[in-house]
């Protein structure tokens, strides 16, 4: 999610009380794999999008085990690391 300003090692603040809306960054779990992606809808399909267009959209299909853990509201980067 570097295209969204989220880098490896960043801490994410997630609000589980917010209702996830299209265009927001979420932490989702698809078939037991956690993902940080933009939430989108195409027709009646839920789609997870990367900030990097090199990665294809992940359509949530019938039979997928999908859950939204929460909406990412902030990220924290440690500038002190060696």
PDB file of N, CA and C in Angstrom:
ATOM      1  N   UNK A   1       0.823  -1.206   0.000  1.00  0.00           N
ATOM      2  CA  UNK A   1       0.000   0.000   0.000  1.00  0.00           C
ATOM      3  C   UNK A   1       0.861   1.261   0.000  1.00  0.00           C
ATOM      4  N   UNK A   2       2.081   1.136  -0.523  1.00  0.00           N
ATOM      5  CA  UNK A   2       2.968   2.295  -0.558  1.00  0.00           C
ATOM      6  C   UNK A   2       2.353   3.456  -1.328  1.00  0.00           C
ATOM      7  N   UNK A   3       1.542   3.154  -2.338  1.00  0.00           N
ATOM      8  CA  UNK A   3       0.877   4.208  -3.099  1.00  0.00           C
ATOM      9  C   UNK A   3      -0.103   5.010  -2.261  1.00  0.00           C
ATOM     10  N   UNK A   4      -0.490   4.464  -1.122  1.00  0.00           N
ATOM     11  CA  UNK A   4      -1.390   5.151  -0.190  1.00  0.00           C
ATOM     12  C   UNK A   4      -0.627   5.722   0.998  1.00  0.00           C
ATOM     13  N   UNK A   5       0.725   5.623   0.960  1.00  0.00           N
ATOM     14  CA  UNK A   5       1.533   6.147   2.058  1.00  0.00           C
ATOM     15  C   UNK A   5       1.699   5.190   3.215  1.00  0.00           C
ATOM     16  N   UNK A   6       1.379   3.921   3.018  1.00  0.00           N
ATOM     17  CA  UNK A   6       1.541   2.905   4.058  1.00  0.00           C
ATOM     18  C   UNK A   6       2.691   2.000   3.641  1.00  0.00           C
ATOM     19  N   UNK A   7       3.721   1.928   4.500  1.00  0.00           N
ATOM     20  CA  UNK A   7       4.934   1.193   4.169  1.00  0.00           C
ATOM     21  C   UNK A   7       5.138   0.029   5.129  1.00  0.00           C
ATOM     22  N   UNK A   8       5.958  -0.924   4.713  1.00  0.00           N
ATOM     23  CA  UNK A   8       6.289  -2.073   5.549  1.00  0.00           C
ATOM     24  C   UNK A   8       6.834  -1.590   6.886  1.00  0.00           C
ATOM     25  N   UNK A   9       6.323  -2.124   7.970  1.00  0.00           N
ATOM     26  CA  UNK A   9       6.757  -1.730   9.306  1.00  0.00           C
ATOM     27  C   UNK A   9       5.907  -0.648   9.941  1.00  0.00           C
ATOM     28  N   UNK A  10       5.065   0.024   9.161  1.00  0.00           N
ATOM     29  CA  UNK A  10       4.176   1.040   9.729  1.00  0.00           C
ATOM     30  C   UNK A  10       3.163   0.378  10.665  1.00  0.00           C
ATOM     31  N   UNK A  11       2.761   1.117  11.677  1.00  0.00           N
ATOM     32  CA  UNK A  11       1.678   0.684  12.560  1.00  0.00           C
ATOM     33  C   UNK A  11       0.382   1.295  12.040  1.00  0.00           C
ATOM     34  N   UNK A  12      -0.666   0.502  11.987  1.00  0.00           N
ATOM     35  CA  UNK A  12      -1.951   0.995  11.511  1.00  0.00           C
ATOM     36  C   UNK A  12      -2.927   1.100  12.669  1.00  0.00           C
ATOM     37  N   UNK A  13      -3.624   2.215  12.727  1.00  0.00           N
ATOM     38  CA  UNK A  13      -4.698   2.410  13.693  1.00  0.00           C
ATOM     39  C   UNK A  13      -5.991   2.054  12.962  1.00  0.00           C
ATOM     40  N   UNK A  14      -6.733   1.122  13.533  1.00  0.00           N
ATOM     41  CA  UNK A  14      -7.922   0.589  12.878  1.00  0.00           C
ATOM     42  C   UNK A  14      -9.129   0.801  13.786  1.00  0.00           C
ATOM     43  N   UNK A  15     -10.194   1.352  13.214  1.00  0.00           N
ATOM     44  CA  UNK A  15     -11.434   1.556  13.961  1.00  0.00           C
ATOM     45  C   UNK A  15     -12.432   0.480  13.544  1.00  0.00           C
ATOM     46  N   UNK A  16     -12.692  -0.444  14.451  1.00  0.00           N
ATOM     47  CA  UNK A  16     -13.618  -1.539  14.171  1.00  0.00           C
ATOM     48  C   UNK A  16     -15.078  -1.088  14.249  1.00  0.00           C
ATOM     49  N   UNK A  17     -15.321   0.084  14.824  1.00  0.00           N
ATOM     50  CA  UNK A  17     -16.692   0.560  14.980  1.00  0.00           C
ATOM     51  C   UNK A  17     -17.207   1.263  13.724  1.00  0.00           C
ATOM     52  N   UNK A  18     -16.312   1.680  12.838  1.00  0.00           N
ATOM     53  CA  UNK A  18     -16.739   2.374  11.623  1.00  0.00           C
ATOM     54  C   UNK A  18     -17.308   1.389  10.615  1.00  0.00           C
ATOM     55  N   UNK A  19     -18.364   1.809   9.927  1.00  0.00           N
ATOM     56  CA  UNK A  19     -18.907   0.996   8.845  1.00  0.00           C
ATOM     57  C   UNK A  19     -18.033   1.229   7.615  1.00  0.00           C
ATOM     58  N   UNK A  20     -17.448   0.186   7.035  1.00  0.00           N
ATOM     59  CA  UNK A  20     -16.548   0.377   5.894  1.00  0.00           C
ATOM     60  C   UNK A  20     -17.299   0.839   4.651  1.00  0.00           C
ATOM     61  N   UNK A  21     -16.754   1.878   4.000  1.00  0.00           N
ATOM     62  CA  UNK A  21     -17.363   2.446   2.797  1.00  0.00           C
ATOM     63  C   UNK A  21     -16.387   2.338   1.636  1.00  0.00           C
ATOM     64  N   UNK A  22     -16.927   2.354   0.434  1.00  0.00           N
ATOM     65  CA  UNK A  22     -16.100   2.306  -0.770  1.00  0.00           C
ATOM     66  C   UNK A  22     -15.092   3.452  -0.747  1.00  0.00           C
ATOM     67  N   UNK A  23     -13.852   3.142  -1.111  1.00  0.00           N
ATOM     68  CA  UNK A  23     -12.790   4.138  -1.152  1.00  0.00           C
ATOM     69  C   UNK A  23     -11.955   4.195   0.108  1.00  0.00           C
ATOM     70  N   UNK A  24     -12.420   3.561   1.178  1.00  0.00           N
ATOM     71  CA  UNK A  24     -11.650   3.550   2.420  1.00  0.00           C
ATOM     72  C   UNK A  24     -10.651   2.398   2.417  1.00  0.00           C
ATOM     73  N   UNK A  25      -9.562   2.578   3.156  1.00  0.00           N
ATOM     74  CA  UNK A  25      -8.588   1.510   3.338  1.00  0.00           C
ATOM     75  C   UNK A  25      -9.065   0.665   4.508  1.00  0.00           C
ATOM     76  N   UNK A  26      -9.100  -0.640   4.280  1.00  0.00           N
ATOM     77  CA  UNK A  26      -9.572  -1.556   5.318  1.00  0.00           C
ATOM     78  C   UNK A  26      -8.530  -2.633   5.589  1.00  0.00           C
ATOM     79  N   UNK A  27      -8.675  -3.262   6.737  1.00  0.00           N
ATOM     80  CA  UNK A  27      -7.995  -4.526   6.966  1.00  0.00           C
ATOM     81  C   UNK A  27      -9.078  -5.583   6.831  1.00  0.00           C
ATOM     82  N   UNK A  28      -8.897  -6.426   5.838  1.00  0.00           N
ATOM     83  CA  UNK A  28      -9.844  -7.494   5.587  1.00  0.00           C
ATOM     84  C   UNK A  28      -9.148  -8.833   5.676  1.00  0.00           C
ATOM     85  N   UNK A  29      -9.939  -9.868   5.809  1.00  0.00           N
ATOM     86  CA  UNK A  29      -9.406 -11.229   5.835  1.00  0.00           C
ATOM     87  C   UNK A  29     -10.176 -12.028   4.792  1.00  0.00           C
ATOM     88  N   UNK A  30      -9.436 -12.584   3.833  1.00  0.00           N
ATOM     89  CA  UNK A  30     -10.029 -13.418   2.797  1.00  0.00           C
ATOM     90  C   UNK A  30      -9.426 -14.806   2.923  1.00  0.00           C
ATOM     91  N   UNK A  31     -10.281 -15.768   3.225  1.00  0.00           N
ATOM     92  CA  UNK A  31      -9.826 -17.157   3.358  1.00  0.00           C
ATOM     93  C   UNK A  31      -8.615 -17.261   4.288  1.00  0.00           C
ATOM     94  N   UNK A  32      -8.726 -16.619   5.433  1.00  0.00           N
ATOM     95  CA  UNK A  32      -7.732 -16.630   6.516  1.00  0.00           C
ATOM     96  C   UNK A  32      -6.457 -15.849   6.192  1.00  0.00           C
ATOM     97  N   UNK A  33      -6.443 -15.066   5.112  1.00  0.00           N
ATOM     98  CA  UNK A  33      -5.275 -14.246   4.778  1.00  0.00           C
ATOM     99  C   UNK A  33      -5.608 -12.771   4.995  1.00  0.00           C
ATOM    100  N   UNK A  34      -4.914 -12.113   5.948  1.00  0.00           N
ATOM    101  CA  UNK A  34      -5.178 -10.689   6.171  1.00  0.00           C
ATOM    102  C   UNK A  34      -4.625  -9.848   5.024  1.00  0.00           C
ATOM    103  N   UNK A  35      -5.384  -8.809   4.666  1.00  0.00           N
ATOM    104  CA  UNK A  35      -5.011  -7.917   3.575  1.00  0.00           C
ATOM    105  C   UNK A  35      -5.302  -6.481   3.970  1.00  0.00           C
ATOM    106  N   UNK A  36      -4.466  -5.563   3.517  1.00  0.00           N
ATOM    107  CA  UNK A  36      -4.723  -4.130   3.656  1.00  0.00           C
ATOM    108  C   UNK A  36      -4.984  -3.621   2.246  1.00  0.00           C
ATOM    109  N   UNK A  37      -6.215  -3.210   1.986  1.00  0.00           N
ATOM    110  CA  UNK A  37      -6.625  -2.835   0.628  1.00  0.00           C
ATOM    111  C   UNK A  37      -7.681  -1.740   0.676  1.00  0.00           C
ATOM    112  N   UNK A  38      -7.881  -1.095  -0.489  1.00  0.00           N
ATOM    113  CA  UNK A  38      -9.022  -0.204  -0.655  1.00  0.00           C
ATOM    114  C   UNK A  38     -10.270  -1.056  -0.872  1.00  0.00           C
ATOM    115  N   UNK A  39     -11.361  -0.656  -0.268  1.00  0.00           N
ATOM    116  CA  UNK A  39     -12.639  -1.326  -0.467  1.00  0.00           C
ATOM    117  C   UNK A  39     -13.354  -0.677  -1.647  1.00  0.00           C
ATOM    118  N   UNK A  40     -13.880  -1.505  -2.535  1.00  0.00           N
ATOM    119  CA  UNK A  40     -14.620  -1.001  -3.693  1.00  0.00           C
ATOM    120  C   UNK A  40     -15.777  -1.946  -3.986  1.00  0.00           C
ATOM    121  N   UNK A  41     -16.682  -1.446  -4.797  1.00  0.00           N
ATOM    122  CA  UNK A  41     -17.803  -2.265  -5.258  1.00  0.00           C
ATOM    123  C   UNK A  41     -17.910  -2.099  -6.763  1.00  0.00           C
ATOM    124  N   UNK A  42     -18.054  -3.215  -7.461  1.00  0.00           N
ATOM    125  CA  UNK A  42     -18.281  -3.216  -8.904  1.00  0.00           C
ATOM    126  C   UNK A  42     -19.575  -3.984  -9.124  1.00  0.00           C
ATOM    127  N   UNK A  43     -20.612  -3.254  -9.487  1.00  0.00           N
ATOM    128  CA  UNK A  43     -21.927  -3.886  -9.573  1.00  0.00           C
ATOM    129  C   UNK A  43     -22.318  -4.384  -8.196  1.00  0.00           C
ATOM    130  N   UNK A  44     -22.610  -5.658  -8.101  1.00  0.00           N
ATOM    131  CA  UNK A  44     -22.987  -6.232  -6.805  1.00  0.00           C
ATOM    132  C   UNK A  44     -21.818  -6.974  -6.162  1.00  0.00           C
ATOM    133  N   UNK A  45     -20.615  -6.809  -6.696  1.00  0.00           N
ATOM    134  CA  UNK A  45     -19.441  -7.515  -6.184  1.00  0.00           C
ATOM    135  C   UNK A  45     -18.598  -6.617  -5.276  1.00  0.00           C
ATOM    136  N   UNK A  46     -18.111  -7.203  -4.194  1.00  0.00           N
ATOM    137  CA  UNK A  46     -17.140  -6.536  -3.330  1.00  0.00           C
ATOM    138  C   UNK A  46     -15.759  -6.780  -3.921  1.00  0.00           C
ATOM    139  N   UNK A  47     -14.959  -5.707  -3.989  1.00  0.00           N
ATOM    140  CA  UNK A  47     -13.633  -5.789  -4.600  1.00  0.00           C
ATOM    141  C   UNK A  47     -12.624  -5.159  -3.653  1.00  0.00           C
ATOM    142  N   UNK A  48     -11.471  -5.800  -3.514  1.00  0.00           N
ATOM    143  CA  UNK A  48     -10.359  -5.245  -2.748  1.00  0.00           C
ATOM    144  C   UNK A  48      -9.299  -4.798  -3.739  1.00  0.00           C
ATOM    145  N   UNK A  49      -8.877  -3.519  -3.622  1.00  0.00           N
ATOM    146  CA  UNK A  49      -7.935  -2.936  -4.576  1.00  0.00           C
ATOM    147  C   UNK A  49      -6.657  -2.524  -3.880  1.00  0.00           C
ATOM    148  N   UNK A  50      -5.556  -2.797  -4.537  1.00  0.00           N
ATOM    149  CA  UNK A  50      -4.254  -2.355  -4.062  1.00  0.00           C
ATOM    150  C   UNK A  50      -4.053  -0.902  -4.470  1.00  0.00           C
ATOM    151  N   UNK A  51      -3.190  -0.199  -3.749  1.00  0.00           N
ATOM    152  CA  UNK A  51      -2.836   1.164  -4.138  1.00  0.00           C
ATOM    153  C   UNK A  51      -1.921   1.143  -5.357  1.00  0.00           C
ATOM    154  N   UNK A  52      -1.291   0.001  -5.619  1.00  0.00           N
ATOM    155  CA  UNK A  52      -0.391  -0.167  -6.757  1.00  0.00           C
ATOM    156  C   UNK A  52      -1.152  -0.877  -7.871  1.00  0.00           C
ATOM    157  N   UNK A  53      -1.328  -0.226  -8.997  1.00  0.00           N
ATOM    158  CA  UNK A  53      -2.108  -0.784 -10.108  1.00  0.00           C
ATOM    159  C   UNK A  53      -1.445  -2.010 -10.750  1.00  0.00           C
ATOM    160  N   UNK A  54      -0.196  -2.313 -10.360  1.00  0.00           N
ATOM    161  CA  UNK A  54       0.464  -3.524 -10.864  1.00  0.00           C
ATOM    162  C   UNK A  54      -0.217  -4.785 -10.333  1.00  0.00           C
ATOM    163  N   UNK A  55      -0.903  -4.652  -9.213  1.00  0.00           N
ATOM    164  CA  UNK A  55      -1.571  -5.790  -8.592  1.00  0.00           C
ATOM    165  C   UNK A  55      -3.035  -5.802  -9.004  1.00  0.00           C
ATOM    166  N   UNK A  56      -3.546  -6.968  -9.392  1.00  0.00           N
ATOM    167  CA  UNK A  56      -4.940  -7.034  -9.854  1.00  0.00           C
ATOM    168  C   UNK A  56      -5.928  -6.875  -8.700  1.00  0.00           C
ATOM    169  N   UNK A  57      -7.127  -6.449  -9.057  1.00  0.00           N
ATOM    170  CA  UNK A  57      -8.208  -6.384  -8.076  1.00  0.00           C
ATOM    171  C   UNK A  57      -8.504  -7.786  -7.557  1.00  0.00           C
ATOM    172  N   UNK A  58      -8.916  -7.855  -6.302  1.00  0.00           N
ATOM    173  CA  UNK A  58      -9.295  -9.136  -5.694  1.00  0.00           C
ATOM    174  C   UNK A  58     -10.804  -9.111  -5.498  1.00  0.00           C
ATOM    175  N   UNK A  59     -11.523  -9.783  -6.394  1.00  0.00           N
ATOM    176  CA  UNK A  59     -12.970  -9.873  -6.275  1.00  0.00           C
ATOM    177  C   UNK A  59     -13.313 -10.910  -5.209  1.00  0.00           C
ATOM    178  N   UNK A  60     -14.240 -10.570  -4.345  1.00  0.00           N
ATOM    179  CA  UNK A  60     -14.724 -11.519  -3.348  1.00  0.00           C
ATOM    180  C   UNK A  60     -15.790 -12.366  -4.034  1.00  0.00           C
ATOM    181  N   UNK A  61     -15.515 -13.658  -4.108  1.00  0.00           N
ATOM    182  CA  UNK A  61     -16.375 -14.574  -4.844  1.00  0.00           C
ATOM    183  C   UNK A  61     -17.239 -15.389  -3.881  1.00  0.00           C
ATOM    184  N   UNK A  62     -18.311 -15.942  -4.423  1.00  0.00           N
ATOM    185  CA  UNK A  62     -19.142 -16.845  -3.637  1.00  0.00           C
ATOM    186  C   UNK A  62     -18.267 -17.996  -3.158  1.00  0.00           C
ATOM    187  N   UNK A  63     -18.356 -18.300  -1.891  1.00  0.00           N
ATOM    188  CA  UNK A  63     -17.520 -19.348  -1.305  1.00  0.00           C
ATOM    189  C   UNK A  63     -16.299 -18.810  -0.580  1.00  0.00           C
ATOM    190  N   UNK A  64     -15.909 -17.545  -0.864  1.00  0.00           N
ATOM    191  CA  UNK A  64     -14.803 -16.939  -0.118  1.00  0.00           C
ATOM    192  C   UNK A  64     -15.253 -16.658   1.306  1.00  0.00           C
ATOM    193  N   UNK A  65     -14.373 -16.874   2.243  1.00  0.00           N
ATOM    194  CA  UNK A  65     -14.608 -16.497   3.634  1.00  0.00           C
ATOM    195  C   UNK A  65     -14.022 -15.103   3.798  1.00  0.00           C
ATOM    196  N   UNK A  66     -14.882 -14.074   3.841  1.00  0.00           N
ATOM    197  CA  UNK A  66     -14.435 -12.680   3.858  1.00  0.00           C
ATOM    198  C   UNK A  66     -14.990 -11.960   5.068  1.00  0.00           C
ATOM    199  N   UNK A  67     -14.117 -11.207   5.731  1.00  0.00           N
ATOM    200  CA  UNK A  67     -14.520 -10.408   6.880  1.00  0.00           C
ATOM    201  C   UNK A  67     -13.706  -9.122   6.882  1.00  0.00           C
ATOM    202  N   UNK A  68     -14.326  -8.028   7.268  1.00  0.00           N
ATOM    203  CA  UNK A  68     -13.623  -6.757   7.445  1.00  0.00           C
ATOM    204  C   UNK A  68     -13.311  -6.607   8.921  1.00  0.00           C
ATOM    205  N   UNK A  69     -12.025  -6.516   9.256  1.00  0.00           N
ATOM    206  CA  UNK A  69     -11.627  -6.315  10.651  1.00  0.00           C
ATOM    207  C   UNK A  69     -11.859  -4.880  11.078  1.00  0.00           C
ATOM    208  N   UNK A  70     -11.672  -3.931  10.162  1.00  0.00           N
ATOM    209  CA  UNK A  70     -11.874  -2.537  10.513  1.00  0.00           C
ATOM    210  C   UNK A  70     -11.373  -1.600   9.433  1.00  0.00           C
ATOM    211  N   UNK A  71     -11.624  -0.316   9.655  1.00  0.00           N
ATOM    212  CA  UNK A  71     -11.225   0.741   8.730  1.00  0.00           C
ATOM    213  C   UNK A  71      -9.936   1.376   9.244  1.00  0.00           C
ATOM    214  N   UNK A  72      -8.950   1.489   8.369  1.00  0.00           N
ATOM    215  CA  UNK A  72      -7.683   2.125   8.739  1.00  0.00           C
ATOM    216  C   UNK A  72      -7.913   3.630   8.810  1.00  0.00           C
ATOM    217  N   UNK A  73      -7.644   4.210   9.977  1.00  0.00           N
ATOM    218  CA  UNK A  73      -7.847   5.651  10.159  1.00  0.00           C
ATOM    219  C   UNK A  73      -6.537   6.428  10.210  1.00  0.00           C
ATOM    220  N   UNK A  74      -5.451   5.775  10.630  1.00  0.00           N
ATOM    221  CA  UNK A  74      -4.151   6.440  10.732  1.00  0.00           C
ATOM    222  C   UNK A  74      -3.041   5.414  10.540  1.00  0.00           C
ATOM    223  N   UNK A  75      -1.880   5.904  10.145  1.00  0.00           N
ATOM    224  CA  UNK A  75      -0.686   5.053  10.134  1.00  0.00           C
ATOM    225  C   UNK A  75       0.429   5.794  10.849  1.00  0.00           C
ATOM    226  N   UNK A  76       1.297   5.026  11.491  1.00  0.00           N
ATOM    227  CA  UNK A  76       2.413   5.590  12.258  1.00  0.00           C
ATOM    228  C   UNK A  76       3.689   4.966  11.726  1.00  0.00           C
ATOM    229  N   UNK A  77       4.660   5.816  11.400  1.00  0.00           N
ATOM    230  CA  UNK A  77       5.935   5.345  10.872  1.00  0.00           C
ATOM    231  C   UNK A  77       7.034   5.670  11.871  1.00  0.00           C
ATOM    232  N   UNK A  78       7.889   4.684  12.114  1.00  0.00           N
ATOM    233  CA  UNK A  78       9.026   4.847  13.017  1.00  0.00           C
ATOM    234  C   UNK A  78      10.219   5.347  12.208  1.00  0.00           C
ATOM    235  N   UNK A  79      10.662   6.567  12.465  1.00  0.00           N
ATOM    236  CA  UNK A  79      11.799   7.152  11.747  1.00  0.00           C
ATOM    237  C   UNK A  79      13.109   6.948  12.495  1.00  0.00           C
ATOM    238  N   UNK A  80      13.057   6.274  13.618  1.00  0.00           N
ATOM    239  CA  UNK A  80      14.233   6.130  14.460  1.00  0.00           C
ATOM    240  C   UNK A  80      15.011   4.856  14.191  1.00  0.00           C
ATOM    241  N   UNK A  81      14.409   3.884  13.543  1.00  0.00           N
ATOM    242  CA  UNK A  81      15.048   2.575  13.351  1.00  0.00           C
ATOM    243  C   UNK A  81      16.423   2.697  12.725  1.00  0.00           C
ATOM    244  N   UNK A  82      17.297   1.756  13.129  1.00  0.00           N
ATOM    245  CA  UNK A  82      18.659   1.717  12.564  1.00  0.00           C
ATOM    246  C   UNK A  82      18.664   0.982  11.252  1.00  0.00           C
TER     247      UNK A  82
END
